[in-house]
All heavy atoms as atom14 arrays in JSON, in Angstrom:
{
  "sequence": "IVTDPDFHGGHFYRHGVVPKRGLRIARMIGHITYLSDDVMNQK",
  "atom14_mask": [
    [1, 1, 1, 1, 1, 1, 1, 1, 0, 0, 0, 0, 0, 0],
    [1, 1, 1, 1, 1, 1, 1, 0, 0, 0, 0, 0, 0, 0],
    [1, 1, 1, 1, 1, 1, 1, 0, 0, 0, 0, 0, 0, 0],
    [1, 1, 1, 1, 1, 1, 1, 1, 0, 0, 0, 0, 0, 0],
    [1, 1, 1, 1, 1, 1, 1, 0, 0, 0, 0, 0, 0, 0],
    [1, 1, 1, 1, 1, 1, 1, 1, 0, 0, 0, 0, 0, 0],
    [1, 1, 1, 1, 1, 1, 1, 1, 1, 1, 1, 0, 0, 0],
    [1, 1, 1, 1, 1, 1, 1, 1, 1, 1, 0, 0, 0, 0],
    [1, 1, 1, 1, 0, 0, 0, 0, 0, 0, 0, 0, 0, 0],
    [1, 1, 1, 1, 0, 0, 0, 0, 0, 0, 0, 0, 0, 0],
    [1, 1, 1, 1, 1, 1, 1, 1, 1, 1, 0, 0, 0, 0],
    [1, 1, 1, 1, 1, 1, 1, 1, 1, 1, 1, 0, 0, 0],
    [1, 1, 1, 1, 1, 1, 1, 1, 1, 1, 1, 1, 0, 0],
    [1, 1, 1, 1, 1, 1, 1, 1, 1, 1, 1, 0, 0, 0],
    [1, 1, 1, 1, 1, 1, 1, 1, 1, 1, 0, 0, 0, 0],
    [1, 1, 1, 1, 0, 0, 0, 0, 0, 0, 0, 0, 0, 0],
    [1, 1, 1, 1, 1, 1, 1, 0, 0, 0, 0, 0, 0, 0],
    [1, 1, 1, 1, 1, 1, 1, 0, 0, 0, 0, 0, 0, 0],
    [1, 1, 1, 1, 1, 1, 1, 0, 0, 0, 0, 0, 0, 0],
    [1, 1, 1, 1, 1, 1, 1, 1, 1, 0, 0, 0, 0, 0],
    [1, 1, 1, 1, 1, 1, 1, 1, 1, 1, 1, 0, 0, 0],
    [1, 1, 1, 1, 0, 0, 0, 0, 0, 0, 0, 0, 0, 0],
    [1, 1, 1, 1, 1, 1, 1, 1, 0, 0, 0, 0, 0, 0],
    [1, 1, 1, 1, 1, 1, 1, 1, 1, 1, 1, 0, 0, 0],
    [1, 1, 1, 1, 1, 1, 1, 1, 0, 0, 0, 0, 0, 0],
    [1, 1, 1, 1, 1, 0, 0, 0, 0, 0, 0, 0, 0, 0],
    [1, 1, 1, 1, 1, 1, 1, 1, 1, 1, 1, 0, 0, 0],
    [1, 1, 1, 1, 1, 1, 1, 1, 0, 0, 0, 0, 0, 0],
    [1, 1, 1, 1, 1, 1, 1, 1, 0, 0, 0, 0, 0, 0],
    [1, 1, 1, 1, 0, 0, 0, 0, 0, 0, 0, 0, 0, 0],
    [1, 1, 1, 1, 1, 1, 1, 1, 1, 1, 0, 0, 0, 0],
    [1, 1, 1, 1, 1, 1, 1, 1, 0, 0, 0, 0, 0, 0],
    [1, 1, 1, 1, 1, 1, 1, 0, 0, 0, 0, 0, 0, 0],
    [1, 1, 1, 1, 1, 1, 1, 1, 1, 1, 1, 1, 0, 0],
    [1, 1, 1, 1, 1, 1, 1, 1, 0, 0, 0, 0, 0, 0],
    [1, 1, 1, 1, 1, 1, 0, 0, 0, 0, 0, 0, 0, 0],
    [1, 1, 1, 1, 1, 1, 1, 1, 0, 0, 0, 0, 0, 0],
    [1, 1, 1, 1, 1, 1, 1, 1, 0, 0, 0, 0, 0, 0],
    [1, 1, 1, 1, 1, 1, 1, 0, 0, 0, 0, 0, 0, 0],
    [1, 1, 1, 1, 1, 1, 1, 1, 0, 0, 0, 0, 0, 0],
    [1, 1, 1, 1, 1, 1, 1, 1, 0, 0, 0, 0, 0, 0],
    [1, 1, 1, 1, 1, 1, 1, 1, 1, 0, 0, 0, 0, 0],
    [1, 1, 1, 1, 1, 1, 1, 1, 1, 0, 0, 0, 0, 0]
  ],
  "atom14_positions": [
    [[-1.24, 5.2, -3.62], [-2.4, 4.54, -4.22], [-2.9, 5.31, -5.44], [-3.1, 4.73, -6.52], [-3.52, 4.37, -3.17], [-3.1, 3.34, -2.12], [-4.83, 3.94, -3.84], [-4.04, 3.26, -0.93], [0.0, 0.0, 0.0], [0.0, 0.0, 0.0], [0.0, 0.0, 0.0], [0.0, 0.0, 0.0], [0.0, 0.0, 0.0], [0.0, 0.0, 0.0]],
    [[-3.13, 6.62, -5.29], [-3.77, 7.36, -6.38], [-2.85, 7.55, -7.58], [-3.33, 7.8, -8.69], [-4.3, 8.73, -5.9], [-5.3, 8.56, -4.76], [-3.16, 9.65, -5.48], [0.0, 0.0, 0.0], [0.0, 0.0, 0.0], [0.0, 0.0, 0.0], [0.0, 0.0, 0.0], [0.0, 0.0, 0.0], [0.0, 0.0, 0.0], [0.0, 0.0, 0.0]],
    [[-1.54, 7.41, -7.39], [-0.61, 7.53, -8.52], [-0.3, 6.17, -9.16], [0.43, 6.12, -10.15], [0.7, 8.2, -8.09], [1.3, 7.45, -7.02], [0.46, 9.63, -7.63], [0.0, 0.0, 0.0], [0.0, 0.0, 0.0], [0.0, 0.0, 0.0], [0.0, 0.0, 0.0], [0.0, 0.0, 0.0], [0.0, 0.0, 0.0], [0.0, 0.0, 0.0]],
    [[-0.86, 5.11, -8.63], [-0.72, 3.79, -9.27], [-1.49, 3.82, -10.59], [-2.67, 4.19, -10.62], [-1.3, 2.72, -8.33], [-1.04, 1.3, -8.82], [-1.17, 1.06, -10.04], [-0.73, 0.44, -7.98], [0.0, 0.0, 0.0], [0.0, 0.0, 0.0], [0.0, 0.0, 0.0], [0.0, 0.0, 0.0], [0.0, 0.0, 0.0], [0.0, 0.0, 0.0]],
    [[-0.87, 3.45, -11.7], [-1.56, 3.48, -12.99], [-2.85, 2.66, -13.02], [-3.74, 2.94, -13.83], [-0.52, 2.9, -13.96], [0.8, 3.14, -13.31], [0.55, 3.03, -11.84], [0.0, 0.0, 0.0], [0.0, 0.0, 0.0], [0.0, 0.0, 0.0], [0.0, 0.0, 0.0], [0.0, 0.0, 0.0], [0.0, 0.0, 0.0], [0.0, 0.0, 0.0]],
    [[-2.96, 1.68, -12.14], [-4.16, 0.85, -12.1], [-5.27, 1.45, -11.25], [-6.34, 0.84, -11.09], [-3.83, -0.56, -11.59], [-3.1, -1.4, -12.63], [-3.29, -1.14, -13.83], [-2.33, -2.29, -12.22], [0.0, 0.0, 0.0], [0.0, 0.0, 0.0], [0.0, 0.0, 0.0], [0.0, 0.0, 0.0], [0.0, 0.0, 0.0], [0.0, 0.0, 0.0]],
    [[-5.06, 2.64, -10.68], [-6.09, 3.24, -9.84], [-7.25, 3.8, -10.66], [-8.4, 3.74, -10.24], [-5.47, 4.35, -8.98], [-6.43, 4.97, -8.0], [-6.99, 4.21, -6.97], [-6.78, 6.3, -8.09], [-7.87, 4.78, -6.06], [-7.66, 6.89, -7.19], [-8.21, 6.12, -6.17], [0.0, 0.0, 0.0], [0.0, 0.0, 0.0], [0.0, 0.0, 0.0]],
    [[-6.96, 4.36, -11.82], [-7.99, 4.87, -12.74], [-8.96, 5.83, -12.05], [-10.19, 5.71, -12.2], [-8.77, 3.71, -13.37], [-7.94, 2.85, -14.28], [-7.56, 3.25, -15.55], [-7.39, 1.61, -14.09], [-6.82, 2.29, -16.11], [-6.71, 1.28, -15.23], [0.0, 0.0, 0.0], [0.0, 0.0, 0.0], [0.0, 0.0, 0.0], [0.0, 0.0, 0.0]],
    [[-8.41, 6.76, -11.29], [-9.25, 7.76, -10.63], [-10.23, 7.18, -9.63], [-11.23, 7.82, -9.31], [0.0, 0.0, 0.0], [0.0, 0.0, 0.0], [0.0, 0.0, 0.0], [0.0, 0.0, 0.0], [0.0, 0.0, 0.0], [0.0, 0.0, 0.0], [0.0, 0.0, 0.0], [0.0, 0.0, 0.0], [0.0, 0.0, 0.0], [0.0, 0.0, 0.0]],
    [[-9.94, 6.0, -9.12], [-10.81, 5.34, -8.15], [-11.84, 4.42, -8.77], [-12.59, 3.76, -8.05], [0.0, 0.0, 0.0], [0.0, 0.0, 0.0], [0.0, 0.0, 0.0], [0.0, 0.0, 0.0], [0.0, 0.0, 0.0], [0.0, 0.0, 0.0], [0.0, 0.0, 0.0], [0.0, 0.0, 0.0], [0.0, 0.0, 0.0], [0.0, 0.0, 0.0]],
    [[-11.87, 4.32, -10.11], [-12.86, 3.46, -10.79], [-12.18, 2.24, -11.41], [-12.52, 1.83, -12.53], [-13.61, 4.27, -11.84], [-14.46, 5.36, -11.25], [-15.59, 5.1, -10.49], [-14.33, 6.71, -11.27], [-16.13, 6.24, -10.09], [-15.38, 7.24, -10.55], [0.0, 0.0, 0.0], [0.0, 0.0, 0.0], [0.0, 0.0, 0.0], [0.0, 0.0, 0.0]],
    [[-11.22, 1.69, -10.68], [-10.47, 0.54, -11.19], [-11.33, -0.71, -11.33], [-11.01, -1.61, -12.11], [-9.27, 0.25, -10.27], [-9.6, 0.16, -8.81], [-9.99, -1.03, -8.23], [-9.52, 1.29, -8.0], [-10.29, -1.11, -6.87], [-9.82, 1.22, -6.64], [-10.2, 0.02, -6.08], [0.0, 0.0, 0.0], [0.0, 0.0, 0.0], [0.0, 0.0, 0.0]],
    [[-12.48, -0.78, -10.6], [-13.37, -1.94, -10.73], [-13.83, -2.11, -12.18], [-13.94, -3.23, -12.68], [-14.61, -1.78, -9.84], [-14.37, -1.25, -8.45], [-14.61, 0.08, -8.15], [-13.91, -2.08, -7.43], [-14.42, 0.58, -6.87], [-13.71, -1.59, -6.15], [-13.96, -0.26, -5.87], [-13.76, 0.23, -4.62], [0.0, 0.0, 0.0], [0.0, 0.0, 0.0]],
    [[-14.11, -0.99, -12.84], [-14.6, -1.05, -14.22], [-13.56, -1.63, -15.18], [-13.91, -2.12, -16.25], [-14.97, 0.36, -14.7], [-16.02, 1.06, -13.85], [-16.21, 2.49, -14.31], [-17.11, 3.24, -13.43], [-17.38, 4.54, -13.56], [-16.8, 5.23, -14.54], [-18.19, 5.14, -12.72], [0.0, 0.0, 0.0], [0.0, 0.0, 0.0], [0.0, 0.0, 0.0]],
    [[-12.31, -1.54, -14.79], [-11.22, -2.0, -15.65], [-10.72, -3.39, -15.28], [-9.8, -3.91, -15.91], [-10.06, -1.0, -15.6], [-10.43, 0.38, -16.07], [-10.26, 0.79, -17.38], [-10.99, 1.43, -15.42], [-10.68, 2.04, -17.51], [-11.13, 2.45, -16.34], [0.0, 0.0, 0.0], [0.0, 0.0, 0.0], [0.0, 0.0, 0.0], [0.0, 0.0, 0.0]],
    [[-11.31, -3.96, -14.24], [-10.93, -5.31, -13.84], [-9.53, -5.42, -13.28], [-8.88, -6.46, -13.39], [0.0, 0.0, 0.0], [0.0, 0.0, 0.0], [0.0, 0.0, 0.0], [0.0, 0.0, 0.0], [0.0, 0.0, 0.0], [0.0, 0.0, 0.0], [0.0, 0.0, 0.0], [0.0, 0.0, 0.0], [0.0, 0.0, 0.0], [0.0, 0.0, 0.0]],
    [[-9.04, -4.32, -12.68], [-7.69, -4.32, -12.1], [-7.76, -3.82, -10.66], [-8.78, -3.31, -10.21], [-6.73, -3.44, -12.92], [-6.54, -4.01, -14.32], [-7.23, -1.99, -12.98], [0.0, 0.0, 0.0], [0.0, 0.0, 0.0], [0.0, 0.0, 0.0], [0.0, 0.0, 0.0], [0.0, 0.0, 0.0], [0.0, 0.0, 0.0], [0.0, 0.0, 0.0]],
    [[-6.65, -3.96, -9.96], [-6.51, -3.48, -8.59], [-5.19, -2.71, -8.5], [-4.16, -3.2, -9.0], [-6.5, -4.66, -7.58], [-6.2, -4.17, -6.17], [-7.83, -5.39, -7.62], [0.0, 0.0, 0.0], [0.0, 0.0, 0.0], [0.0, 0.0, 0.0], [0.0, 0.0, 0.0], [0.0, 0.0, 0.0], [0.0, 0.0, 0.0], [0.0, 0.0, 0.0]],
    [[-5.17, -1.53, -7.88], [-3.92, -0.78, -7.74], [-3.02, -1.39, -6.66], [-2.77, -0.8, -5.61], [-4.39, 0.62, -7.37], [-5.69, 0.41, -6.69], [-6.33, -0.78, -7.36], [0.0, 0.0, 0.0], [0.0, 0.0, 0.0], [0.0, 0.0, 0.0], [0.0, 0.0, 0.0], [0.0, 0.0, 0.0], [0.0, 0.0, 0.0], [0.0, 0.0, 0.0]],
    [[-2.53, -2.59, -6.95], [-1.8, -3.35, -5.94], [-0.49, -2.68, -5.54], [-0.08, -2.75, -4.38], [-1.53, -4.77, -6.45], [-2.75, -5.68, -6.42], [-2.34, -7.14, -6.56], [-3.51, -8.05, -6.22], [-3.11, -9.47, -6.15], [0.0, 0.0, 0.0], [0.0, 0.0, 0.0], [0.0, 0.0, 0.0], [0.0, 0.0, 0.0], [0.0, 0.0, 0.0]],
    [[0.17, -2.07, -6.5], [1.46, -1.45, -6.17], [1.26, -0.37, -5.11], [2.01, -0.31, -4.13], [2.1, -0.85, -7.42], [3.51, -0.31, -7.17], [4.13, 0.2, -8.44], [3.49, 1.44, -8.9], [3.87, 2.09, -10.0], [4.82, 1.61, -10.77], [3.26, 3.21, -10.33], [0.0, 0.0, 0.0], [0.0, 0.0, 0.0], [0.0, 0.0, 0.0]],
    [[0.25, 0.47, -5.3], [-0.01, 1.52, -4.32], [-0.41, 0.97, -2.97], [0.03, 1.46, -1.92], [0.0, 0.0, 0.0], [0.0, 0.0, 0.0], [0.0, 0.0, 0.0], [0.0, 0.0, 0.0], [0.0, 0.0, 0.0], [0.0, 0.0, 0.0], [0.0, 0.0, 0.0], [0.0, 0.0, 0.0], [0.0, 0.0, 0.0], [0.0, 0.0, 0.0]],
    [[-1.26, -0.07, -2.97], [-1.68, -0.68, -1.71], [-0.5, -1.31, -0.98], [-0.41, -1.23, 0.25], [-2.76, -1.73, -1.98], [-4.18, -1.22, -2.17], [-5.07, -2.31, -2.75], [-4.76, -0.72, -0.84], [0.0, 0.0, 0.0], [0.0, 0.0, 0.0], [0.0, 0.0, 0.0], [0.0, 0.0, 0.0], [0.0, 0.0, 0.0], [0.0, 0.0, 0.0]],
    [[0.4, -1.93, -1.73], [1.57, -2.54, -1.1], [2.39, -1.48, -0.37], [2.79, -1.67, 0.78], [2.44, -3.23, -2.15], [1.84, -4.47, -2.77], [2.86, -5.13, -3.68], [2.26, -6.1, -4.58], [2.17, -5.95, -5.91], [2.65, -4.86, -6.49], [1.61, -6.88, -6.65], [0.0, 0.0, 0.0], [0.0, 0.0, 0.0], [0.0, 0.0, 0.0]],
    [[2.65, -0.38, -1.05], [3.47, 0.67, -0.44], [2.76, 1.28, 0.76], [3.38, 1.53, 1.81], [3.81, 1.75, -1.48], [4.68, 1.15, -2.6], [4.52, 2.93, -0.83], [4.89, 2.06, -3.78], [0.0, 0.0, 0.0], [0.0, 0.0, 0.0], [0.0, 0.0, 0.0], [0.0, 0.0, 0.0], [0.0, 0.0, 0.0], [0.0, 0.0, 0.0]],
    [[1.45, 1.5, 0.63], [0.69, 2.05, 1.75], [0.79, 1.16, 2.98], [0.99, 1.64, 4.11], [-0.77, 2.23, 1.35], [0.0, 0.0, 0.0], [0.0, 0.0, 0.0], [0.0, 0.0, 0.0], [0.0, 0.0, 0.0], [0.0, 0.0, 0.0], [0.0, 0.0, 0.0], [0.0, 0.0, 0.0], [0.0, 0.0, 0.0], [0.0, 0.0, 0.0]],
    [[0.68, -0.14, 2.78], [0.76, -1.06, 3.91], [2.16, -1.13, 4.48], [2.34, -1.25, 5.7], [0.3, -2.46, 3.48], [0.11, -3.43, 4.64], [-0.88, -2.89, 5.64], [-1.33, -3.91, 6.58], [-2.14, -3.68, 7.58], [-2.61, -2.46, 7.79], [-2.51, -4.64, 8.41], [0.0, 0.0, 0.0], [0.0, 0.0, 0.0], [0.0, 0.0, 0.0]],
    [[3.16, -1.07, 3.63], [4.54, -1.08, 4.12], [4.79, 0.13, 5.02], [5.41, 0.01, 6.08], [5.51, -1.09, 2.94], [5.53, -2.42, 2.18], [6.36, -2.32, 0.58], [8.08, -2.23, 1.11], [0.0, 0.0, 0.0], [0.0, 0.0, 0.0], [0.0, 0.0, 0.0], [0.0, 0.0, 0.0], [0.0, 0.0, 0.0], [0.0, 0.0, 0.0]],
    [[4.3, 1.29, 4.6], [4.44, 2.5, 5.43], [3.73, 2.3, 6.76], [4.26, 2.62, 7.83], [3.86, 3.72, 4.69], [4.7, 4.04, 3.45], [3.8, 4.94, 5.62], [4.03, 5.02, 2.51], [0.0, 0.0, 0.0], [0.0, 0.0, 0.0], [0.0, 0.0, 0.0], [0.0, 0.0, 0.0], [0.0, 0.0, 0.0], [0.0, 0.0, 0.0]],
    [[2.52, 1.73, 6.69], [1.76, 1.49, 7.91], [2.5, 0.6, 8.88], [2.57, 0.88, 10.09], [0.0, 0.0, 0.0], [0.0, 0.0, 0.0], [0.0, 0.0, 0.0], [0.0, 0.0, 0.0], [0.0, 0.0, 0.0], [0.0, 0.0, 0.0], [0.0, 0.0, 0.0], [0.0, 0.0, 0.0], [0.0, 0.0, 0.0], [0.0, 0.0, 0.0]],
    [[3.07, -0.49, 8.39], [3.74, -1.43, 9.28], [4.97, -0.82, 9.94], [5.3, -1.16, 11.08], [4.1, -2.72, 8.53], [3.06, -3.78, 8.68], [3.01, -4.63, 9.76], [2.0, -4.09, 7.92], [1.98, -5.44, 9.64], [1.35, -5.13, 8.54], [0.0, 0.0, 0.0], [0.0, 0.0, 0.0], [0.0, 0.0, 0.0], [0.0, 0.0, 0.0]],
    [[5.63, 0.07, 9.25], [6.77, 0.76, 9.88], [6.29, 1.55, 11.09], [6.96, 1.6, 12.12], [7.46, 1.67, 8.86], [8.14, 0.83, 7.77], [8.5, 2.57, 9.54], [8.65, 1.65, 6.6], [0.0, 0.0, 0.0], [0.0, 0.0, 0.0], [0.0, 0.0, 0.0], [0.0, 0.0, 0.0], [0.0, 0.0, 0.0], [0.0, 0.0, 0.0]],
    [[5.11, 2.16, 10.98], [4.6, 2.97, 12.1], [3.96, 2.13, 13.18], [3.81, 2.6, 14.32], [3.58, 4.01, 11.6], [2.37, 3.35, 11.19], [4.12, 4.82, 10.44], [0.0, 0.0, 0.0], [0.0, 0.0, 0.0], [0.0, 0.0, 0.0], [0.0, 0.0, 0.0], [0.0, 0.0, 0.0], [0.0, 0.0, 0.0], [0.0, 0.0, 0.0]],
    [[3.56, 0.9, 12.88], [2.89, 0.07, 13.88], [3.87, -0.59, 14.84], [3.52, -0.89, 15.98], [2.05, -1.03, 13.22], [0.97, -0.54, 12.3], [0.52, -1.33, 11.24], [0.39, 0.71, 12.46], [-0.48, -0.89, 10.39], [-0.6, 1.16, 11.6], [-1.02, 0.36, 10.57], [-2.0, 0.8, 9.71], [0.0, 0.0, 0.0], [0.0, 0.0, 0.0]],
    [[5.09, -0.87, 14.37], [6.07, -1.59, 15.18], [7.0, -0.62, 15.89], [7.33, 0.43, 15.35], [6.89, -2.54, 14.32], [6.13, -3.66, 13.6], [7.08, -4.48, 12.74], [5.41, -4.56, 14.59], [0.0, 0.0, 0.0], [0.0, 0.0, 0.0], [0.0, 0.0, 0.0], [0.0, 0.0, 0.0], [0.0, 0.0, 0.0], [0.0, 0.0, 0.0]],
    [[7.43, -0.99, 17.08], [8.41, -0.16, 17.79], [9.8, -0.42, 17.23], [10.08, -1.45, 16.61], [8.39, -0.48, 19.28], [8.93, -1.77, 19.52], [0.0, 0.0, 0.0], [0.0, 0.0, 0.0], [0.0, 0.0, 0.0], [0.0, 0.0, 0.0], [0.0, 0.0, 0.0], [0.0, 0.0, 0.0], [0.0, 0.0, 0.0], [0.0, 0.0, 0.0]],
    [[10.69, 0.54, 17.48], [12.08, 0.4, 17.06], [12.71, -0.84, 17.68], [13.43, -1.6, 17.03], [12.85, 1.67, 17.45], [14.31, 1.6, 17.05], [14.59, 1.41, 15.85], [15.18, 1.75, 17.93], [0.0, 0.0, 0.0], [0.0, 0.0, 0.0], [0.0, 0.0, 0.0], [0.0, 0.0, 0.0], [0.0, 0.0, 0.0], [0.0, 0.0, 0.0]],
    [[12.41, -1.09, 18.97], [13.0, -2.24, 19.65], [12.54, -3.55, 19.04], [13.34, -4.48, 18.85], [12.63, -2.21, 21.14], [13.38, -1.14, 21.91], [14.4, -0.64, 21.37], [12.95, -0.8, 23.03], [0.0, 0.0, 0.0], [0.0, 0.0, 0.0], [0.0, 0.0, 0.0], [0.0, 0.0, 0.0], [0.0, 0.0, 0.0], [0.0, 0.0, 0.0]],
    [[11.25, -3.65, 18.72], [10.73, -4.89, 18.14], [11.33, -5.13, 16.76], [11.71, -6.25, 16.41], [9.19, -4.87, 18.09], [8.67, -5.96, 17.15], [8.62, -5.08, 19.48], [0.0, 0.0, 0.0], [0.0, 0.0, 0.0], [0.0, 0.0, 0.0], [0.0, 0.0, 0.0], [0.0, 0.0, 0.0], [0.0, 0.0, 0.0], [0.0, 0.0, 0.0]],
    [[11.42, -4.07, 15.96], [11.99, -4.24, 14.62], [13.44, -4.7, 14.7], [13.87, -5.57, 13.94], [11.89, -2.93, 13.83], [10.47, -2.57, 13.43], [10.37, -1.1, 12.41], [10.89, -1.75, 10.84], [0.0, 0.0, 0.0], [0.0, 0.0, 0.0], [0.0, 0.0, 0.0], [0.0, 0.0, 0.0], [0.0, 0.0, 0.0], [0.0, 0.0, 0.0]],
    [[14.19, -4.13, 15.63], [15.58, -4.55, 15.77], [15.71, -5.95, 16.33], [16.56, -6.73, 15.92], [16.33, -3.55, 16.66], [16.83, -2.35, 15.88], [17.56, -2.49, 14.91], [16.42, -1.17, 16.29], [0.0, 0.0, 0.0], [0.0, 0.0, 0.0], [0.0, 0.0, 0.0], [0.0, 0.0, 0.0], [0.0, 0.0, 0.0], [0.0, 0.0, 0.0]],
    [[14.82, -6.3, 17.27], [14.87, -7.63, 17.85], [14.51, -8.7, 16.82], [15.13, -9.76, 16.77], [13.94, -7.7, 19.06], [13.96, -9.04, 19.78], [13.0, -9.08, 20.94], [12.17, -8.2, 21.12], [13.09, -10.11, 21.76], [0.0, 0.0, 0.0], [0.0, 0.0, 0.0], [0.0, 0.0, 0.0], [0.0, 0.0, 0.0], [0.0, 0.0, 0.0]],
    [[13.48, -8.43, 16.02], [13.01, -9.43, 15.06], [13.9, -9.52, 13.83], [14.11, -10.61, 13.28], [11.58, -9.1, 14.63], [10.53, -9.31, 15.7], [9.15, -8.94, 15.19], [8.66, -9.93, 14.15], [7.24, -9.68, 13.78], [0.0, 0.0, 0.0], [0.0, 0.0, 0.0], [0.0, 0.0, 0.0], [0.0, 0.0, 0.0], [0.0, 0.0, 0.0]]
  ]
}
């Protein structure tokens, strides 16, 4: 998130942007940890 160019040191609201790339990656990492190995393989 913080290395996304749209983060702007946490003041992205002032620039009318959202650090979407960083948020996407953060959520992808989260989902890997939320699911079990068996469920990921089954699905």
